[in-house]
Amino acid sequence: MTKKKKSKHDLILEDIVNRLQNKKYYDFVARNVLYGKREFYGEMDILTYKDKHWHYYEIKTHRSPQQIRKARYQAYKVSKAFPERNFKYILITTEGIKRIEPEDVNKRKRVYRKRNRHSS
């Protein structure tokens, strides 16, 4: 039986989770957390908690504008699914770590939809 090769995303995810758990900075560290509330549902790559603050880590293996938009939209869905929680959003790419500010998350109004193109 052959082992399935882990993706770049999964390798980064394991590395970050191990680092967070070893530092013992957070009271709670979980990975691949499913959530669903109303029409907002998905999976958080890493969820942490410390002193009444939740941190949501999203990992993207490419830093293209499309991936950044997707990460912002995922953070937007989390903010709408749990409006009572004060989340801090952190984007991790192969190029580094970037914090997504809550104002940027909540500006996201447009939902990805296929355009209906009519030919004339």
N, C-alpha and C. Protein backbone atom coordinates (compact mmCIF):
# COMPACT_ATOMS: atom_id res chain seq x y z
N MET A 1 0.84 -1.17 0.00
CA MET A 1 0.00 0.00 0.00
C MET A 1 0.89 1.24 0.00
N THR A 2 0.63 2.16 -0.93
CA THR A 2 1.46 3.36 -1.04
C THR A 2 0.82 4.50 -0.26
N LYS A 3 1.70 5.31 0.31
CA LYS A 3 1.23 6.49 1.03
C LYS A 3 0.98 7.60 0.04
N LYS A 4 -0.07 8.35 0.28
CA LYS A 4 -0.36 9.49 -0.57
C LYS A 4 0.59 10.63 -0.21
N LYS A 5 1.19 11.22 -1.22
CA LYS A 5 2.12 12.32 -1.00
C LYS A 5 1.35 13.54 -0.52
N LYS A 6 1.86 14.18 0.52
CA LYS A 6 1.18 15.34 1.08
C LYS A 6 1.38 16.55 0.17
N SER A 7 0.35 17.36 0.07
CA SER A 7 0.43 18.57 -0.74
C SER A 7 1.26 19.63 -0.04
N LYS A 8 1.66 20.62 -0.79
CA LYS A 8 2.42 21.74 -0.23
C LYS A 8 1.60 22.43 0.88
N HIS A 9 0.30 22.57 0.62
CA HIS A 9 -0.60 23.19 1.59
C HIS A 9 -0.58 22.41 2.91
N ASP A 10 -0.69 21.07 2.83
CA ASP A 10 -0.73 20.25 4.04
C ASP A 10 0.59 20.27 4.79
N LEU A 11 1.70 20.32 4.06
CA LEU A 11 3.02 20.40 4.72
C LEU A 11 3.18 21.72 5.48
N ILE A 12 2.76 22.82 4.85
CA ILE A 12 2.82 24.13 5.52
C ILE A 12 1.89 24.14 6.73
N LEU A 13 0.70 23.60 6.56
CA LEU A 13 -0.28 23.54 7.65
C LEU A 13 0.28 22.78 8.85
N GLU A 14 0.84 21.61 8.62
CA GLU A 14 1.42 20.83 9.72
C GLU A 14 2.55 21.58 10.41
N ASP A 15 3.41 22.21 9.63
CA ASP A 15 4.54 22.96 10.18
C ASP A 15 4.06 24.10 11.08
N ILE A 16 3.09 24.87 10.60
CA ILE A 16 2.57 26.02 11.38
C ILE A 16 1.89 25.52 12.65
N VAL A 17 1.07 24.48 12.56
CA VAL A 17 0.37 23.95 13.74
C VAL A 17 1.39 23.46 14.77
N ASN A 18 2.40 22.73 14.32
CA ASN A 18 3.44 22.26 15.25
C ASN A 18 4.15 23.42 15.93
N ARG A 19 4.47 24.44 15.18
CA ARG A 19 5.15 25.61 15.77
C ARG A 19 4.26 26.30 16.80
N LEU A 20 2.98 26.46 16.47
CA LEU A 20 2.06 27.12 17.40
C LEU A 20 1.86 26.30 18.67
N GLN A 21 1.77 24.99 18.54
CA GLN A 21 1.59 24.14 19.71
C GLN A 21 2.85 24.08 20.56
N ASN A 22 4.02 24.07 19.93
CA ASN A 22 5.28 24.00 20.69
C ASN A 22 5.57 25.28 21.46
N LYS A 23 5.16 26.42 20.92
CA LYS A 23 5.40 27.69 21.62
C LYS A 23 4.49 27.86 22.83
N LYS A 24 3.40 27.12 22.85
CA LYS A 24 2.42 27.17 23.94
C LYS A 24 1.92 28.59 24.22
N TYR A 25 1.85 29.39 23.18
CA TYR A 25 1.34 30.76 23.31
C TYR A 25 -0.19 30.76 23.39
N TYR A 26 -0.82 29.90 22.61
CA TYR A 26 -2.28 29.85 22.56
C TYR A 26 -2.82 28.80 23.52
N ASP A 27 -4.02 29.07 24.04
CA ASP A 27 -4.70 28.10 24.90
C ASP A 27 -5.30 26.95 24.07
N PHE A 28 -5.59 27.25 22.82
CA PHE A 28 -6.29 26.29 21.97
C PHE A 28 -5.76 26.43 20.54
N VAL A 29 -5.41 25.32 19.90
CA VAL A 29 -4.98 25.30 18.50
C VAL A 29 -5.67 24.12 17.82
N ALA A 30 -6.40 24.41 16.73
CA ALA A 30 -7.08 23.35 15.98
C ALA A 30 -6.85 23.58 14.50
N ARG A 31 -6.88 22.48 13.74
CA ARG A 31 -6.68 22.60 12.30
C ARG A 31 -7.87 22.00 11.56
N ASN A 32 -8.08 22.47 10.35
CA ASN A 32 -9.17 21.99 9.48
C ASN A 32 -10.52 22.01 10.20
N VAL A 33 -10.88 23.15 10.74
CA VAL A 33 -12.12 23.31 11.50
C VAL A 33 -13.27 23.64 10.55
N LEU A 34 -14.27 22.78 10.53
CA LEU A 34 -15.46 23.04 9.71
C LEU A 34 -16.40 23.97 10.46
N TYR A 35 -17.02 24.88 9.72
CA TYR A 35 -18.01 25.76 10.33
C TYR A 35 -19.17 25.91 9.36
N GLY A 36 -20.31 26.23 9.89
CA GLY A 36 -21.47 26.47 9.06
C GLY A 36 -22.54 27.19 9.84
N LYS A 37 -22.98 28.29 9.30
CA LYS A 37 -24.02 29.07 9.94
C LYS A 37 -24.75 29.82 8.83
N ARG A 38 -26.01 29.61 8.73
CA ARG A 38 -26.82 30.19 7.65
C ARG A 38 -26.19 29.85 6.30
N GLU A 39 -25.99 30.83 5.46
CA GLU A 39 -25.41 30.56 4.14
C GLU A 39 -23.89 30.63 4.15
N PHE A 40 -23.29 30.87 5.30
CA PHE A 40 -21.83 30.97 5.40
C PHE A 40 -21.27 29.68 6.00
N TYR A 41 -20.51 28.96 5.21
CA TYR A 41 -19.93 27.70 5.67
C TYR A 41 -18.60 27.50 4.98
N GLY A 42 -17.78 26.67 5.56
CA GLY A 42 -16.47 26.39 4.97
C GLY A 42 -15.57 25.68 5.96
N GLU A 43 -14.28 25.83 5.74
CA GLU A 43 -13.28 25.20 6.59
C GLU A 43 -12.18 26.21 6.90
N MET A 44 -11.86 26.32 8.17
CA MET A 44 -10.74 27.17 8.59
C MET A 44 -9.49 26.30 8.65
N ASP A 45 -8.39 26.79 8.07
CA ASP A 45 -7.16 26.00 8.10
C ASP A 45 -6.67 25.84 9.53
N ILE A 46 -6.53 26.95 10.24
CA ILE A 46 -6.07 26.90 11.64
C ILE A 46 -6.90 27.89 12.45
N LEU A 47 -7.36 27.44 13.60
CA LEU A 47 -8.11 28.29 14.52
C LEU A 47 -7.41 28.24 15.87
N THR A 48 -7.13 29.42 16.44
CA THR A 48 -6.47 29.49 17.75
C THR A 48 -7.24 30.43 18.66
N TYR A 49 -6.98 30.28 19.98
CA TYR A 49 -7.67 31.11 20.97
C TYR A 49 -6.72 31.43 22.12
N LYS A 50 -6.75 32.69 22.55
CA LYS A 50 -5.97 33.12 23.71
C LYS A 50 -6.56 34.42 24.24
N ASP A 51 -6.84 34.47 25.52
CA ASP A 51 -7.31 35.69 26.19
C ASP A 51 -8.45 36.39 25.46
N LYS A 52 -9.52 35.66 25.20
CA LYS A 52 -10.72 36.18 24.56
C LYS A 52 -10.50 36.64 23.11
N HIS A 53 -9.44 36.21 22.48
CA HIS A 53 -9.17 36.56 21.09
C HIS A 53 -9.03 35.30 20.25
N TRP A 54 -9.75 35.27 19.13
CA TRP A 54 -9.68 34.18 18.18
C TRP A 54 -8.80 34.60 17.02
N HIS A 55 -7.95 33.71 16.58
CA HIS A 55 -7.12 33.95 15.40
C HIS A 55 -7.45 32.89 14.37
N TYR A 56 -7.69 33.36 13.15
CA TYR A 56 -8.02 32.46 12.04
C TYR A 56 -6.89 32.56 11.01
N TYR A 57 -6.21 31.45 10.78
CA TYR A 57 -5.10 31.40 9.83
C TYR A 57 -5.58 30.73 8.54
N GLU A 58 -5.35 31.39 7.43
CA GLU A 58 -5.67 30.82 6.12
C GLU A 58 -4.36 30.66 5.36
N ILE A 59 -4.14 29.48 4.80
CA ILE A 59 -2.90 29.18 4.08
C ILE A 59 -3.18 29.12 2.60
N LYS A 60 -2.40 29.86 1.83
CA LYS A 60 -2.46 29.83 0.37
C LYS A 60 -1.06 29.53 -0.14
N THR A 61 -0.95 28.59 -1.06
CA THR A 61 0.37 28.21 -1.56
C THR A 61 0.83 29.10 -2.71
N HIS A 62 -0.05 29.93 -3.23
CA HIS A 62 0.30 30.90 -4.27
C HIS A 62 -0.14 32.27 -3.81
N ARG A 63 0.57 33.29 -4.22
CA ARG A 63 0.21 34.65 -3.82
C ARG A 63 -0.31 35.44 -5.02
N SER A 64 -1.14 34.84 -5.78
CA SER A 64 -1.74 35.54 -6.92
C SER A 64 -2.88 36.43 -6.42
N PRO A 65 -3.25 37.46 -7.18
CA PRO A 65 -4.38 38.31 -6.76
C PRO A 65 -5.66 37.51 -6.55
N GLN A 66 -5.87 36.48 -7.35
CA GLN A 66 -7.06 35.65 -7.20
C GLN A 66 -7.05 34.92 -5.85
N GLN A 67 -5.89 34.40 -5.45
CA GLN A 67 -5.79 33.70 -4.17
C GLN A 67 -5.98 34.65 -2.99
N ILE A 68 -5.46 35.88 -3.11
CA ILE A 68 -5.64 36.88 -2.05
C ILE A 68 -7.12 37.23 -1.93
N ARG A 69 -7.80 37.42 -3.06
CA ARG A 69 -9.24 37.71 -3.03
C ARG A 69 -10.01 36.55 -2.39
N LYS A 70 -9.61 35.33 -2.74
CA LYS A 70 -10.28 34.16 -2.17
C LYS A 70 -10.08 34.10 -0.66
N ALA A 71 -8.87 34.41 -0.19
CA ALA A 71 -8.59 34.41 1.25
C ALA A 71 -9.42 35.48 1.95
N ARG A 72 -9.53 36.65 1.33
CA ARG A 72 -10.36 37.72 1.93
C ARG A 72 -11.82 37.30 1.98
N TYR A 73 -12.28 36.64 0.93
CA TYR A 73 -13.67 36.20 0.92
C TYR A 73 -13.90 35.13 1.98
N GLN A 74 -12.94 34.24 2.18
CA GLN A 74 -13.07 33.23 3.24
C GLN A 74 -13.11 33.90 4.61
N ALA A 75 -12.29 34.92 4.82
CA ALA A 75 -12.31 35.66 6.09
C ALA A 75 -13.64 36.39 6.25
N TYR A 76 -14.17 36.90 5.15
CA TYR A 76 -15.48 37.57 5.18
C TYR A 76 -16.57 36.59 5.63
N LYS A 77 -16.55 35.37 5.09
CA LYS A 77 -17.55 34.36 5.46
C LYS A 77 -17.44 34.02 6.95
N VAL A 78 -16.23 33.89 7.45
CA VAL A 78 -16.05 33.60 8.89
C VAL A 78 -16.60 34.74 9.72
N SER A 79 -16.33 36.00 9.31
CA SER A 79 -16.81 37.15 10.08
C SER A 79 -18.34 37.21 10.09
N LYS A 80 -18.98 36.78 9.00
CA LYS A 80 -20.45 36.78 8.95
C LYS A 80 -21.04 35.58 9.69
N ALA A 81 -20.34 34.47 9.68
CA ALA A 81 -20.84 33.28 10.39
C ALA A 81 -20.76 33.46 11.90
N PHE A 82 -19.75 34.21 12.36
CA PHE A 82 -19.55 34.41 13.80
C PHE A 82 -19.37 35.89 14.12
N PRO A 83 -20.42 36.71 13.96
CA PRO A 83 -20.26 38.16 14.19
C PRO A 83 -19.96 38.51 15.65
N GLU A 84 -20.30 37.60 16.57
CA GLU A 84 -20.08 37.88 18.00
C GLU A 84 -18.63 37.68 18.43
N ARG A 85 -17.83 37.05 17.59
CA ARG A 85 -16.44 36.77 17.95
C ARG A 85 -15.51 37.80 17.33
N ASN A 86 -14.50 38.15 18.07
CA ASN A 86 -13.53 39.12 17.59
C ASN A 86 -12.35 38.37 16.95
N PHE A 87 -12.47 38.08 15.66
CA PHE A 87 -11.43 37.33 14.96
C PHE A 87 -10.31 38.24 14.49
N LYS A 88 -9.10 37.69 14.49
CA LYS A 88 -7.97 38.32 13.82
C LYS A 88 -7.60 37.38 12.68
N TYR A 89 -7.51 37.92 11.48
CA TYR A 89 -7.31 37.10 10.29
C TYR A 89 -5.86 37.18 9.86
N ILE A 90 -5.26 36.03 9.63
CA ILE A 90 -3.85 35.96 9.26
C ILE A 90 -3.72 35.10 8.02
N LEU A 91 -3.12 35.67 6.99
CA LEU A 91 -2.91 34.97 5.72
C LEU A 91 -1.46 34.51 5.66
N ILE A 92 -1.26 33.23 5.39
CA ILE A 92 0.08 32.67 5.27
C ILE A 92 0.27 32.20 3.84
N THR A 93 1.31 32.72 3.19
CA THR A 93 1.66 32.26 1.85
C THR A 93 3.10 31.77 1.89
N THR A 94 3.55 31.24 0.77
CA THR A 94 4.94 30.77 0.71
C THR A 94 5.91 31.95 0.78
N GLU A 95 5.41 33.16 0.55
CA GLU A 95 6.26 34.36 0.59
C GLU A 95 6.26 35.04 1.95
N GLY A 96 5.38 34.66 2.84
CA GLY A 96 5.37 35.28 4.16
C GLY A 96 3.99 35.30 4.80
N ILE A 97 3.88 36.10 5.85
CA ILE A 97 2.65 36.19 6.64
C ILE A 97 2.11 37.60 6.54
N LYS A 98 0.81 37.72 6.35
CA LYS A 98 0.17 39.03 6.25
C LYS A 98 -1.10 39.01 7.07
N ARG A 99 -1.30 40.04 7.83
CA ARG A 99 -2.54 40.15 8.60
C ARG A 99 -3.58 40.84 7.73
N ILE A 100 -4.78 40.29 7.70
CA ILE A 100 -5.89 40.90 6.98
C ILE A 100 -6.69 41.69 8.00
N GLU A 101 -6.80 42.98 7.79
CA GLU A 101 -7.49 43.84 8.74
C GLU A 101 -9.01 43.63 8.64
N PRO A 102 -9.72 43.71 9.77
CA PRO A 102 -11.18 43.50 9.76
C PRO A 102 -11.91 44.45 8.81
N GLU A 103 -11.39 45.68 8.66
CA GLU A 103 -12.05 46.63 7.75
C GLU A 103 -11.99 46.10 6.32
N ASP A 104 -10.86 45.50 5.94
CA ASP A 104 -10.72 44.94 4.60
C ASP A 104 -11.66 43.76 4.40
N VAL A 105 -11.84 42.98 5.45
CA VAL A 105 -12.72 41.81 5.36
C VAL A 105 -14.16 42.25 5.15
N ASN A 106 -14.61 43.21 5.92
CA ASN A 106 -16.01 43.61 5.87
C ASN A 106 -16.35 44.46 4.67
N LYS A 107 -15.35 44.97 3.94
CA LYS A 107 -15.62 45.71 2.71
C LYS A 107 -16.07 44.77 1.61
N ARG A 108 -15.77 43.52 1.78
CA ARG A 108 -16.04 42.52 0.75
C ARG A 108 -17.53 42.28 0.64
N LYS A 109 -18.18 42.85 -0.35
CA LYS A 109 -19.62 42.71 -0.52
C LYS A 109 -19.97 41.79 -1.68
N ARG A 110 -19.18 41.82 -2.73
CA ARG A 110 -19.49 41.08 -3.95
C ARG A 110 -19.21 39.60 -3.75
N VAL A 111 -20.14 38.78 -4.17
CA VAL A 111 -19.98 37.33 -4.11
C VAL A 111 -19.57 36.86 -5.49
N TYR A 112 -18.69 35.89 -5.55
CA TYR A 112 -18.25 35.37 -6.84
C TYR A 112 -19.43 34.71 -7.55
N ARG A 113 -19.74 35.20 -8.72
CA ARG A 113 -20.82 34.63 -9.51
C ARG A 113 -20.38 34.58 -10.96
N LYS A 114 -20.92 33.61 -11.66
CA LYS A 114 -20.64 33.57 -13.10
C LYS A 114 -21.46 34.66 -13.76
N ARG A 115 -20.82 35.37 -14.66
CA ARG A 115 -21.54 36.42 -15.38
C ARG A 115 -22.40 35.78 -16.45
N ASN A 116 -23.56 36.36 -16.63
CA ASN A 116 -24.46 35.91 -17.65
C ASN A 116 -24.17 36.74 -18.90
N ARG A 117 -23.51 36.14 -19.87
CA ARG A 117 -23.11 36.88 -21.08
C ARG A 117 -24.12 36.61 -22.19
N HIS A 118 -24.60 37.67 -22.73
CA HIS A 118 -25.52 37.55 -23.85
C HIS A 118 -24.81 38.00 -25.11
N SER A 119 -24.92 37.22 -26.14
CA SER A 119 -24.31 37.64 -27.40
C SER A 119 -25.35 38.38 -28.21
N SER A 120 -24.92 39.45 -28.84
CA SER A 120 -25.88 40.23 -29.63
C SER A 120 -25.75 39.95 -31.09
